[in-house]
Amino acid sequence: MIIKSKKFYSKRGMEMVQVAILVAIAIGLGMLFRERIGEFITATFDNLMNTEF
């Protein structure tokens, strides 16, 4: 007979694991596309600074 611990099957624990996985994916994508994101932000702010309101 296997005793199941409530700690491993709680919804709160699973939600924390899901959040941790999503954060890890976001950090990984940020590191992977770091140069492109920087270029995009720089170009966007340059365009905003060059416009006249």
Protein backbone atom coordinates (compact mmCIF):
# COMPACT_ATOMS: atom_id res chain seq x y z
CA MET A 1 0.00 0.00 0.00
CA ILE A 2 1.38 3.40 -1.04
CA ILE A 3 0.62 6.34 1.22
CA LYS A 4 -0.03 9.51 -0.77
CA SER A 5 1.08 12.72 0.86
CA LYS A 6 -1.27 15.69 0.55
CA LYS A 7 1.74 17.95 0.04
CA PHE A 8 2.46 16.50 -3.40
CA TYR A 9 -1.12 16.65 -4.60
CA SER A 10 -2.23 20.06 -3.36
CA LYS A 11 -3.47 22.61 -5.89
CA ARG A 12 -1.39 25.37 -4.35
CA GLY A 13 1.78 23.37 -4.84
CA MET A 14 0.93 22.66 -8.46
CA GLU A 15 0.20 26.34 -9.08
CA MET A 16 3.60 27.28 -7.67
CA VAL A 17 5.28 24.75 -9.96
CA GLN A 18 3.39 26.14 -12.96
CA VAL A 19 4.40 29.70 -12.08
CA ALA A 20 8.03 28.63 -11.65
CA ILE A 21 7.99 26.92 -15.05
CA LEU A 22 6.46 29.99 -16.73
CA VAL A 23 9.03 32.29 -15.11
CA ALA A 24 11.85 30.00 -16.24
CA ILE A 25 10.49 30.01 -19.80
CA ALA A 26 10.16 33.81 -19.79
CA ILE A 27 13.73 34.24 -18.52
CA GLY A 28 15.01 31.75 -21.09
CA LEU A 29 13.26 33.52 -23.95
CA GLY A 30 14.51 36.87 -22.69
CA MET A 31 18.08 35.60 -22.67
CA LEU A 32 17.68 33.97 -26.07
CA PHE A 33 16.28 37.09 -27.76
CA ARG A 34 18.14 39.66 -25.64
CA GLU A 35 19.71 41.47 -28.60
CA ARG A 36 16.51 41.65 -30.63
CA ILE A 37 14.52 42.90 -27.65
CA GLY A 38 17.15 45.59 -27.01
CA GLU A 39 17.13 46.66 -30.66
CA PHE A 40 13.32 46.83 -30.66
CA ILE A 41 13.21 48.95 -27.50
CA THR A 42 15.94 51.27 -28.79
CA ALA A 43 14.19 51.72 -32.15
CA THR A 44 10.83 52.32 -30.46
CA PHE A 45 12.20 55.01 -28.14
CA ASP A 46 14.13 56.62 -31.01
CA ASN A 47 10.93 56.82 -33.03
CA LEU A 48 9.04 58.28 -30.07
CA MET A 49 11.73 60.91 -29.44
CA ASN A 50 11.82 61.95 -33.12
CA THR A 51 8.07 62.56 -33.43
CA GLU A 52 6.59 66.00 -32.86
CA PHE A 53 3.46 66.38 -30.78
